[in-house]
Amino acid sequence: MKTKKYKSKEKPLPKAEEPVATYGPTATISNDTVISNLMPDSFDEKPEGFDACYARLKAEADEKFGKKELMTVDEYFGKLRYMVNAYYDDIQGQD
């Protein structure tokens, strides 16, 4: 059985695109592509005292939740949640 290809006389629909950020500097790669330069290089740097704070919070979490090599998902994220919440509490206390 022979088949024929369907040829539409209508214009193709436009493709969906990411909206362009309306704030911050942008860079144009080509006519159709614009990227936002919202991530400065300074985001790669750790804040002063971060390593010491991380070590302290990890030690506290190890003491509270136990130090295991293999953990369940709930144990791992419980420990991580404790560390993140304590870190944000420390940040808010510094203000």
C-alpha atoms as a PDB file:
ATOM      1  CA  MET A   1       0.000   0.000   0.000  1.00  0.00           C
ATOM      2  CA  LYS A   2       1.376   3.371  -0.970  1.00  0.00           C
ATOM      3  CA  THR A   3       1.282   6.318   1.406  1.00  0.00           C
ATOM      4  CA  LYS A   4       1.410  10.008   0.704  1.00  0.00           C
ATOM      5  CA  LYS A   5       3.104  12.529   2.918  1.00  0.00           C
ATOM      6  CA  TYR A   6       0.811  15.130   4.404  1.00  0.00           C
ATOM      7  CA  LYS A   7       1.714  18.647   3.321  1.00  0.00           C
ATOM      8  CA  SER A   8       0.213  21.416   5.380  1.00  0.00           C
ATOM      9  CA  LYS A   9      -0.465  24.765   3.772  1.00  0.00           C
ATOM     10  CA  GLU A  10      -0.560  26.455   7.187  1.00  0.00           C
ATOM     11  CA  LYS A  11       2.474  28.065   8.771  1.00  0.00           C
ATOM     12  CA  PRO A  12       4.115  25.937  11.485  1.00  0.00           C
ATOM     13  CA  LEU A  13       3.357  26.931  15.054  1.00  0.00           C
ATOM     14  CA  PRO A  14       6.140  28.810  16.873  1.00  0.00           C
ATOM     15  CA  LYS A  15       8.237  26.762  19.250  1.00  0.00           C
ATOM     16  CA  ALA A  16       8.091  27.448  22.970  1.00  0.00           C
ATOM     17  CA  GLU A  17      11.097  29.286  24.338  1.00  0.00           C
ATOM     18  CA  GLU A  18      12.392  30.266  27.761  1.00  0.00           C
ATOM     19  CA  PRO A  19      11.411  33.826  28.595  1.00  0.00           C
ATOM     20  CA  VAL A  20      14.227  36.337  28.609  1.00  0.00           C
ATOM     21  CA  ALA A  21      15.075  37.680  32.047  1.00  0.00           C
ATOM     22  CA  THR A  22      13.977  41.284  32.366  1.00  0.00           C
ATOM     23  CA  TYR A  23      16.556  42.113  35.001  1.00  0.00           C
ATOM     24  CA  GLY A  24      20.305  41.929  35.236  1.00  0.00           C
ATOM     25  CA  PRO A  25      22.856  41.911  32.441  1.00  0.00           C
ATOM     26  CA  THR A  26      22.381  39.617  29.449  1.00  0.00           C
ATOM     27  CA  ALA A  27      24.607  38.308  26.705  1.00  0.00           C
ATOM     28  CA  THR A  28      23.483  37.451  23.172  1.00  0.00           C
ATOM     29  CA  ILE A  29      24.905  34.230  21.751  1.00  0.00           C
ATOM     30  CA  SER A  30      23.082  34.324  18.429  1.00  0.00           C
ATOM     31  CA  ASN A  31      20.033  35.987  16.933  1.00  0.00           C
ATOM     32  CA  ASP A  32      17.687  33.626  18.761  1.00  0.00           C
ATOM     33  CA  THR A  33      19.564  32.889  21.975  1.00  0.00           C
ATOM     34  CA  VAL A  34      19.994  35.272  24.893  1.00  0.00           C
ATOM     35  CA  ILE A  35      21.462  34.139  28.203  1.00  0.00           C
ATOM     36  CA  SER A  36      21.351  35.897  31.511  1.00  0.00           C
ATOM     37  CA  ASN A  37      24.551  36.637  33.393  1.00  0.00           C
ATOM     38  CA  LEU A  38      22.918  36.591  36.814  1.00  0.00           C
ATOM     39  CA  MET A  39      25.482  34.226  38.375  1.00  0.00           C
ATOM     40  CA  PRO A  40      28.575  36.252  39.219  1.00  0.00           C
ATOM     41  CA  ASP A  41      31.882  34.490  39.780  1.00  0.00           C
ATOM     42  CA  SER A  42      31.747  35.375  43.476  1.00  0.00           C
ATOM     43  CA  PHE A  43      29.143  32.627  44.054  1.00  0.00           C
ATOM     44  CA  ASP A  44      31.937  30.065  43.741  1.00  0.00           C
ATOM     45  CA  GLU A  45      33.603  31.415  46.878  1.00  0.00           C
ATOM     46  CA  LYS A  46      32.630  30.113  50.321  1.00  0.00           C
ATOM     47  CA  PRO A  47      31.699  32.592  53.030  1.00  0.00           C
ATOM     48  CA  GLU A  48      34.257  33.218  55.747  1.00  0.00           C
ATOM     49  CA  GLY A  49      34.098  30.537  58.452  1.00  0.00           C
ATOM     50  CA  PHE A  50      31.905  28.189  56.398  1.00  0.00           C
ATOM     51  CA  ASP A  51      34.239  25.183  56.701  1.00  0.00           C
ATOM     52  CA  ALA A  52      34.440  25.532  60.493  1.00  0.00           C
ATOM     53  CA  CYS A  53      30.656  25.904  60.751  1.00  0.00           C
ATOM     54  CA  TYR A  54      30.134  22.859  58.516  1.00  0.00           C
ATOM     55  CA  ALA A  55      32.514  20.749  60.614  1.00  0.00           C
ATOM     56  CA  ARG A  56      30.727  21.805  63.818  1.00  0.00           C
ATOM     57  CA  LEU A  57      27.258  21.093  62.417  1.00  0.00           C
ATOM     58  CA  LYS A  58      28.360  17.739  60.972  1.00  0.00           C
ATOM     59  CA  ALA A  59      29.779  16.722  64.356  1.00  0.00           C
ATOM     60  CA  GLU A  60      26.512  17.730  66.054  1.00  0.00           C
ATOM     61  CA  ALA A  61      24.456  15.800  63.483  1.00  0.00           C
ATOM     62  CA  ASP A  62      26.727  12.741  63.836  1.00  0.00           C
ATOM     63  CA  GLU A  63      26.249  12.858  67.599  1.00  0.00           C
ATOM     64  CA  LYS A  64      22.484  13.269  67.347  1.00  0.00           C
ATOM     65  CA  PHE A  65      21.773  10.821  64.496  1.00  0.00           C
ATOM     66  CA  GLY A  66      24.749   8.482  64.838  1.00  0.00           C
ATOM     67  CA  LYS A  67      27.664   8.084  62.485  1.00  0.00           C
ATOM     68  CA  LYS A  68      26.880   5.369  59.953  1.00  0.00           C
ATOM     69  CA  GLU A  69      28.421   4.550  56.626  1.00  0.00           C
ATOM     70  CA  LEU A  70      25.115   3.232  55.236  1.00  0.00           C
ATOM     71  CA  MET A  71      21.927   5.142  56.046  1.00  0.00           C
ATOM     72  CA  THR A  72      18.363   4.988  54.870  1.00  0.00           C
ATOM     73  CA  VAL A  73      17.083   7.863  52.776  1.00  0.00           C
ATOM     74  CA  ASP A  74      15.064   9.189  55.729  1.00  0.00           C
ATOM     75  CA  GLU A  75      18.108   9.086  58.020  1.00  0.00           C
ATOM     76  CA  TYR A  76      20.306  10.852  55.463  1.00  0.00           C
ATOM     77  CA  PHE A  77      17.840  13.644  54.743  1.00  0.00           C
ATOM     78  CA  GLY A  78      16.968  13.973  58.429  1.00  0.00           C
ATOM     79  CA  LYS A  79      20.647  14.583  59.161  1.00  0.00           C
ATOM     80  CA  LEU A  80      20.964  16.968  56.224  1.00  0.00           C
ATOM     81  CA  ARG A  81      17.784  18.856  57.235  1.00  0.00           C
ATOM     82  CA  TYR A  82      19.149  19.259  60.765  1.00  0.00           C
ATOM     83  CA  MET A  83      22.425  20.718  59.427  1.00  0.00           C
ATOM     84  CA  VAL A  84      20.720  23.117  57.004  1.00  0.00           C
ATOM     85  CA  ASN A  85      18.221  24.368  59.596  1.00  0.00           C
ATOM     86  CA  ALA A  86      20.995  24.896  62.164  1.00  0.00           C
ATOM     87  CA  TYR A  87      23.093  26.779  59.579  1.00  0.00           C
ATOM     88  CA  TYR A  88      20.211  29.123  58.725  1.00  0.00           C
ATOM     89  CA  ASP A  89      19.492  29.652  62.424  1.00  0.00           C
ATOM     90  CA  ASP A  90      23.157  30.672  62.865  1.00  0.00           C
ATOM     91  CA  ILE A  91      22.912  33.092  59.934  1.00  0.00           C
ATOM     92  CA  GLN A  92      19.750  34.696  61.307  1.00  0.00           C
ATOM     93  CA  GLY A  93      21.331  34.983  64.763  1.00  0.00           C
ATOM     94  CA  GLN A  94      24.273  36.951  63.322  1.00  0.00           C
ATOM     95  CA  ASP A  95      22.119  39.841  62.075  1.00  0.00           C
END
